Amino acid sequence: MQTSRDLLASAYKHFNARDIDGVLNLMHRDVDWPNLMENCRAHGHAEVRDYWTRQWAIFDPHVEPTDFTPEPDGRTAVHVHQVVHDLNGKLLVDQMVQHVYLVQDGLIRSMEVRDHTAS
């Protein structure tokens, strides 16, 4: 059986490879996902696909997990090195953040982004 850590590590690999279907296959059908471009939430596979398609048309993000920490409430906090370039290669963001996941029934149910200082 796949662990939450394995599931999430796989999701990052698919995301960085721009394999939307690969990531969506690891998500609950009604996933709740942060849409940071428009300061709202994306719900379900179609909205997440649309969000990432629009995001990747503007930015080139790369997110590399550096640590996985179980939270007291059962979620998993992933410490992530986030690097974002524009499509011309100009560096826009280079920072550490936390992504906090709820995994249910072996699938990603939701994610939130925390500032790296919110441990």
N, C-alpha and C. Protein backbone atom coordinates (compact mmCIF):
# COMPACT_ATOMS: atom_id res chain seq x y z
N MET A 1 0.84 -1.19 0.00
CA MET A 1 0.00 0.00 0.00
C MET A 1 0.89 1.25 0.00
N GLN A 2 0.51 2.21 -0.80
CA GLN A 2 1.26 3.46 -0.94
C GLN A 2 1.05 4.34 0.29
N THR A 3 2.12 4.92 0.82
CA THR A 3 2.01 5.84 1.95
C THR A 3 1.63 7.23 1.45
N SER A 4 1.19 8.09 2.37
CA SER A 4 0.90 9.48 2.00
C SER A 4 2.14 10.15 1.46
N ARG A 5 3.28 9.87 2.06
CA ARG A 5 4.55 10.46 1.58
C ARG A 5 4.81 10.05 0.13
N ASP A 6 4.65 8.76 -0.19
CA ASP A 6 4.86 8.28 -1.55
C ASP A 6 3.88 8.94 -2.53
N LEU A 7 2.62 9.02 -2.11
CA LEU A 7 1.59 9.63 -2.94
C LEU A 7 1.96 11.08 -3.25
N LEU A 8 2.32 11.84 -2.22
CA LEU A 8 2.63 13.25 -2.40
C LEU A 8 3.91 13.45 -3.20
N ALA A 9 4.93 12.64 -2.96
CA ALA A 9 6.17 12.74 -3.74
C ALA A 9 5.88 12.49 -5.22
N SER A 10 5.02 11.53 -5.50
CA SER A 10 4.63 11.25 -6.88
C SER A 10 3.88 12.43 -7.49
N ALA A 11 3.02 13.06 -6.72
CA ALA A 11 2.27 14.22 -7.21
C ALA A 11 3.22 15.35 -7.62
N TYR A 12 4.24 15.61 -6.81
CA TYR A 12 5.21 16.66 -7.16
C TYR A 12 5.96 16.31 -8.44
N LYS A 13 6.34 15.05 -8.60
CA LYS A 13 7.04 14.64 -9.83
C LYS A 13 6.17 14.87 -11.06
N HIS A 14 4.89 14.49 -10.97
CA HIS A 14 3.98 14.70 -12.10
C HIS A 14 3.77 16.19 -12.37
N PHE A 15 3.60 16.99 -11.30
CA PHE A 15 3.39 18.42 -11.46
C PHE A 15 4.59 19.06 -12.16
N ASN A 16 5.79 18.76 -11.69
CA ASN A 16 6.99 19.36 -12.28
C ASN A 16 7.21 18.91 -13.72
N ALA A 17 6.68 17.75 -14.09
CA ALA A 17 6.76 17.26 -15.46
C ALA A 17 5.60 17.79 -16.32
N ARG A 18 4.72 18.59 -15.72
CA ARG A 18 3.52 19.14 -16.39
C ARG A 18 2.58 18.03 -16.86
N ASP A 19 2.54 16.96 -16.08
CA ASP A 19 1.66 15.82 -16.35
C ASP A 19 0.39 15.99 -15.52
N ILE A 20 -0.53 16.80 -16.04
CA ILE A 20 -1.76 17.10 -15.30
C ILE A 20 -2.53 15.82 -14.99
N ASP A 21 -2.71 14.95 -15.97
CA ASP A 21 -3.47 13.72 -15.72
C ASP A 21 -2.81 12.86 -14.66
N GLY A 22 -1.48 12.82 -14.66
CA GLY A 22 -0.76 12.06 -13.64
C GLY A 22 -1.07 12.55 -12.24
N VAL A 23 -1.13 13.87 -12.06
CA VAL A 23 -1.46 14.43 -10.74
C VAL A 23 -2.94 14.21 -10.42
N LEU A 24 -3.80 14.49 -11.38
CA LEU A 24 -5.24 14.34 -11.13
C LEU A 24 -5.61 12.91 -10.75
N ASN A 25 -4.89 11.94 -11.28
CA ASN A 25 -5.15 10.54 -10.92
C ASN A 25 -4.85 10.26 -9.46
N LEU A 26 -4.10 11.14 -8.81
CA LEU A 26 -3.76 10.99 -7.40
C LEU A 26 -4.68 11.80 -6.49
N MET A 27 -5.65 12.48 -7.09
CA MET A 27 -6.55 13.37 -6.35
C MET A 27 -7.97 12.83 -6.30
N HIS A 28 -8.61 13.13 -5.18
CA HIS A 28 -10.03 12.84 -5.03
C HIS A 28 -10.80 13.58 -6.12
N ARG A 29 -11.85 13.00 -6.58
CA ARG A 29 -12.65 13.61 -7.66
C ARG A 29 -13.13 15.03 -7.31
N ASP A 30 -13.41 15.26 -6.01
CA ASP A 30 -13.88 16.57 -5.55
C ASP A 30 -12.77 17.31 -4.78
N VAL A 31 -11.54 17.19 -5.23
CA VAL A 31 -10.41 17.82 -4.55
C VAL A 31 -10.66 19.32 -4.35
N ASP A 32 -10.15 19.82 -3.23
CA ASP A 32 -10.24 21.24 -2.88
C ASP A 32 -8.81 21.79 -2.93
N TRP A 33 -8.56 22.69 -3.89
CA TRP A 33 -7.19 23.11 -4.21
C TRP A 33 -7.07 24.62 -4.21
N PRO A 34 -5.97 25.19 -3.69
CA PRO A 34 -5.82 26.64 -3.70
C PRO A 34 -5.51 27.18 -5.10
N ASN A 35 -6.22 28.21 -5.48
CA ASN A 35 -5.94 28.94 -6.71
C ASN A 35 -5.34 30.27 -6.26
N LEU A 36 -4.02 30.30 -6.22
CA LEU A 36 -3.34 31.49 -5.69
C LEU A 36 -3.33 32.65 -6.67
N MET A 37 -3.51 32.38 -7.95
CA MET A 37 -3.52 33.47 -8.94
C MET A 37 -4.75 34.36 -8.75
N GLU A 38 -5.87 33.77 -8.37
CA GLU A 38 -7.12 34.52 -8.25
C GLU A 38 -7.65 34.56 -6.81
N ASN A 39 -6.80 34.11 -5.89
CA ASN A 39 -7.13 34.14 -4.47
C ASN A 39 -8.48 33.48 -4.16
N CYS A 40 -8.63 32.26 -4.68
CA CYS A 40 -9.86 31.49 -4.42
C CYS A 40 -9.49 30.01 -4.38
N ARG A 41 -10.46 29.14 -4.44
CA ARG A 41 -10.22 27.70 -4.41
C ARG A 41 -10.73 27.07 -5.70
N ALA A 42 -10.02 26.05 -6.16
CA ALA A 42 -10.47 25.25 -7.29
C ALA A 42 -11.05 23.96 -6.71
N HIS A 43 -12.20 23.54 -7.23
CA HIS A 43 -12.88 22.34 -6.72
C HIS A 43 -13.06 21.35 -7.85
N GLY A 44 -12.53 20.17 -7.66
CA GLY A 44 -12.70 19.11 -8.65
C GLY A 44 -11.64 19.14 -9.73
N HIS A 45 -11.54 18.03 -10.44
CA HIS A 45 -10.51 17.87 -11.46
C HIS A 45 -10.56 18.93 -12.56
N ALA A 46 -11.75 19.24 -13.05
CA ALA A 46 -11.86 20.19 -14.16
C ALA A 46 -11.34 21.57 -13.77
N GLU A 47 -11.68 22.03 -12.58
CA GLU A 47 -11.22 23.36 -12.15
C GLU A 47 -9.72 23.38 -11.89
N VAL A 48 -9.18 22.30 -11.32
CA VAL A 48 -7.73 22.24 -11.10
C VAL A 48 -7.01 22.21 -12.44
N ARG A 49 -7.50 21.42 -13.39
CA ARG A 49 -6.90 21.37 -14.73
C ARG A 49 -6.90 22.76 -15.37
N ASP A 50 -8.02 23.43 -15.29
CA ASP A 50 -8.14 24.77 -15.88
C ASP A 50 -7.16 25.75 -15.21
N TYR A 51 -7.09 25.70 -13.89
CA TYR A 51 -6.19 26.58 -13.14
C TYR A 51 -4.73 26.34 -13.55
N TRP A 52 -4.29 25.08 -13.56
CA TRP A 52 -2.91 24.80 -13.92
C TRP A 52 -2.62 25.15 -15.37
N THR A 53 -3.55 24.91 -16.26
CA THR A 53 -3.35 25.25 -17.67
C THR A 53 -3.12 26.75 -17.82
N ARG A 54 -3.93 27.55 -17.13
CA ARG A 54 -3.76 29.00 -17.18
C ARG A 54 -2.46 29.44 -16.49
N GLN A 55 -2.14 28.82 -15.36
CA GLN A 55 -0.92 29.15 -14.63
C GLN A 55 0.32 28.88 -15.48
N TRP A 56 0.37 27.72 -16.12
CA TRP A 56 1.54 27.34 -16.90
C TRP A 56 1.65 28.13 -18.20
N ALA A 57 0.60 28.80 -18.60
CA ALA A 57 0.67 29.67 -19.78
C ALA A 57 1.34 31.00 -19.44
N ILE A 58 1.48 31.28 -18.13
CA ILE A 58 2.05 32.55 -17.66
C ILE A 58 3.37 32.34 -16.92
N PHE A 59 3.42 31.29 -16.10
CA PHE A 59 4.56 31.04 -15.21
C PHE A 59 5.13 29.66 -15.45
N ASP A 60 6.38 29.49 -15.00
CA ASP A 60 7.05 28.19 -15.02
C ASP A 60 7.45 27.84 -13.59
N PRO A 61 6.52 27.24 -12.83
CA PRO A 61 6.83 26.90 -11.44
C PRO A 61 7.50 25.53 -11.31
N HIS A 62 8.37 25.42 -10.33
CA HIS A 62 8.96 24.13 -9.96
C HIS A 62 8.91 24.04 -8.44
N VAL A 63 8.37 22.95 -7.94
CA VAL A 63 8.21 22.76 -6.50
C VAL A 63 8.88 21.45 -6.10
N GLU A 64 9.86 21.56 -5.22
CA GLU A 64 10.64 20.39 -4.82
C GLU A 64 10.44 20.14 -3.32
N PRO A 65 9.82 19.01 -2.96
CA PRO A 65 9.63 18.72 -1.54
C PRO A 65 10.97 18.42 -0.87
N THR A 66 11.17 18.97 0.33
CA THR A 66 12.41 18.72 1.07
C THR A 66 12.16 17.94 2.35
N ASP A 67 10.93 17.92 2.85
CA ASP A 67 10.61 17.20 4.08
C ASP A 67 9.11 16.99 4.16
N PHE A 68 8.71 15.90 4.79
CA PHE A 68 7.31 15.55 4.99
C PHE A 68 7.11 15.37 6.49
N THR A 69 6.15 16.12 7.06
CA THR A 69 5.92 16.08 8.50
C THR A 69 4.45 15.79 8.80
N PRO A 70 4.18 14.73 9.57
CA PRO A 70 2.79 14.48 9.96
C PRO A 70 2.29 15.59 10.89
N GLU A 71 1.06 16.02 10.67
CA GLU A 71 0.42 17.02 11.52
C GLU A 71 -0.41 16.30 12.59
N PRO A 72 -0.65 16.93 13.73
CA PRO A 72 -1.46 16.30 14.78
C PRO A 72 -2.88 15.92 14.32
N ASP A 73 -3.43 16.65 13.33
CA ASP A 73 -4.79 16.38 12.88
C ASP A 73 -4.84 15.33 11.76
N GLY A 74 -3.69 14.70 11.46
CA GLY A 74 -3.67 13.65 10.45
C GLY A 74 -3.25 14.12 9.06
N ARG A 75 -3.18 15.43 8.86
CA ARG A 75 -2.72 15.93 7.57
C ARG A 75 -1.19 15.80 7.49
N THR A 76 -0.65 16.07 6.32
CA THR A 76 0.80 16.01 6.11
C THR A 76 1.27 17.37 5.63
N ALA A 77 2.25 17.93 6.33
CA ALA A 77 2.88 19.19 5.90
C ALA A 77 4.12 18.83 5.08
N VAL A 78 4.20 19.40 3.90
CA VAL A 78 5.35 19.17 3.02
C VAL A 78 6.11 20.48 2.91
N HIS A 79 7.37 20.45 3.30
CA HIS A 79 8.23 21.62 3.18
C HIS A 79 8.75 21.61 1.75
N VAL A 80 8.55 22.74 1.07
CA VAL A 80 8.76 22.78 -0.38
C VAL A 80 9.66 23.96 -0.76
N HIS A 81 10.64 23.68 -1.60
CA HIS A 81 11.42 24.76 -2.22
C HIS A 81 10.70 25.11 -3.52
N GLN A 82 10.17 26.31 -3.57
CA GLN A 82 9.36 26.78 -4.70
C GLN A 82 10.17 27.80 -5.50
N VAL A 83 10.35 27.51 -6.79
CA VAL A 83 11.04 28.42 -7.69
C VAL A 83 10.12 28.68 -8.87
N VAL A 84 9.86 29.95 -9.14
CA VAL A 84 8.96 30.32 -10.23
C VAL A 84 9.67 31.30 -11.15
N HIS A 85 9.64 30.99 -12.43
CA HIS A 85 10.18 31.87 -13.47
C HIS A 85 9.04 32.34 -14.37
N ASP A 86 9.23 33.47 -15.04
CA ASP A 86 8.29 33.79 -16.09
C ASP A 86 8.69 32.97 -17.32
N LEU A 87 7.93 33.07 -18.39
CA LEU A 87 8.18 32.23 -19.55
C LEU A 87 9.45 32.62 -20.31
N ASN A 88 10.02 33.78 -19.98
CA ASN A 88 11.29 34.20 -20.57
C ASN A 88 12.48 33.78 -19.72
N GLY A 89 12.20 33.11 -18.59
CA GLY A 89 13.27 32.62 -17.73
C GLY A 89 13.65 33.53 -16.59
N LYS A 90 12.98 34.68 -16.46
CA LYS A 90 13.29 35.60 -15.37
C LYS A 90 12.78 35.02 -14.05
N LEU A 91 13.64 34.99 -13.04
CA LEU A 91 13.27 34.48 -11.72
C LEU A 91 12.28 35.43 -11.05
N LEU A 92 11.15 34.89 -10.63
CA LEU A 92 10.12 35.67 -9.95
C LEU A 92 10.05 35.34 -8.45
N VAL A 93 10.21 34.06 -8.12
CA VAL A 93 10.08 33.60 -6.74
C VAL A 93 11.10 32.50 -6.49
N ASP A 94 11.76 32.57 -5.34
CA ASP A 94 12.64 31.50 -4.87
C ASP A 94 12.49 31.49 -3.35
N GLN A 95 11.66 30.57 -2.85
CA GLN A 95 11.34 30.59 -1.43
C GLN A 95 10.94 29.20 -0.93
N MET A 96 10.93 29.09 0.37
CA MET A 96 10.43 27.89 1.03
C MET A 96 8.98 28.15 1.45
N VAL A 97 8.12 27.17 1.22
CA VAL A 97 6.73 27.23 1.66
C VAL A 97 6.35 25.88 2.24
N GLN A 98 5.19 25.83 2.85
CA GLN A 98 4.62 24.56 3.30
C GLN A 98 3.33 24.32 2.55
N HIS A 99 3.18 23.11 2.05
CA HIS A 99 1.92 22.65 1.48
C HIS A 99 1.36 21.63 2.47
N VAL A 100 0.13 21.83 2.89
CA VAL A 100 -0.47 20.95 3.88
C VAL A 100 -1.61 20.19 3.22
N TYR A 101 -1.49 18.86 3.23
CA TYR A 101 -2.41 17.98 2.51
C TYR A 101 -3.27 17.15 3.44
N LEU A 102 -4.51 16.97 3.02
CA LEU A 102 -5.39 15.98 3.61
C LEU A 102 -5.49 14.85 2.59
N VAL A 103 -5.10 13.66 3.00
CA VAL A 103 -5.20 12.48 2.15
C VAL A 103 -6.29 11.60 2.72
N GLN A 104 -7.26 11.23 1.88
CA GLN A 104 -8.36 10.34 2.29
C GLN A 104 -8.48 9.21 1.28
N ASP A 105 -8.59 8.01 1.79
CA ASP A 105 -8.77 6.83 0.94
C ASP A 105 -7.69 6.74 -0.14
N GLY A 106 -6.46 7.12 0.21
CA GLY A 106 -5.34 7.00 -0.70
C GLY A 106 -5.27 8.05 -1.79
N LEU A 107 -6.09 9.12 -1.66
CA LEU A 107 -6.11 10.19 -2.66
C LEU A 107 -6.00 11.55 -1.96
N ILE A 108 -5.44 12.52 -2.66
CA ILE A 108 -5.35 13.88 -2.13
C ILE A 108 -6.74 14.49 -2.13
N ARG A 109 -7.20 14.89 -0.95
CA ARG A 109 -8.54 15.48 -0.79
C ARG A 109 -8.50 17.00 -0.81
N SER A 110 -7.43 17.57 -0.19
CA SER A 110 -7.31 19.02 -0.17
C SER A 110 -5.85 19.42 0.10
N MET A 111 -5.56 20.68 -0.23
CA MET A 111 -4.23 21.23 0.03
C MET A 111 -4.39 22.70 0.39
N GLU A 112 -3.54 23.15 1.30
CA GLU A 112 -3.44 24.57 1.60
C GLU A 112 -1.97 24.95 1.59
N VAL A 113 -1.70 26.22 1.36
CA VAL A 113 -0.32 26.73 1.33
C VAL A 113 -0.13 27.57 2.57
N ARG A 114 0.97 27.28 3.26
CA ARG A 114 1.36 28.07 4.44
C ARG A 114 2.68 28.75 4.15
N ASP A 115 2.84 29.90 4.74
CA ASP A 115 4.15 30.58 4.76
C ASP A 115 5.14 29.64 5.44
N HIS A 116 6.37 29.66 5.04
CA HIS A 116 7.37 28.76 5.61
C HIS A 116 7.59 28.95 7.10
N THR A 117 7.19 30.09 7.65
CA THR A 117 7.39 30.35 9.07
C THR A 117 6.24 29.80 9.90
N ALA A 118 5.22 29.24 9.28
CA ALA A 118 4.03 28.78 10.02
C ALA A 118 4.17 27.31 10.40
N SER A 119 5.24 26.93 11.05
CA SER A 119 5.41 25.52 11.41
C SER A 119 4.81 25.22 12.76
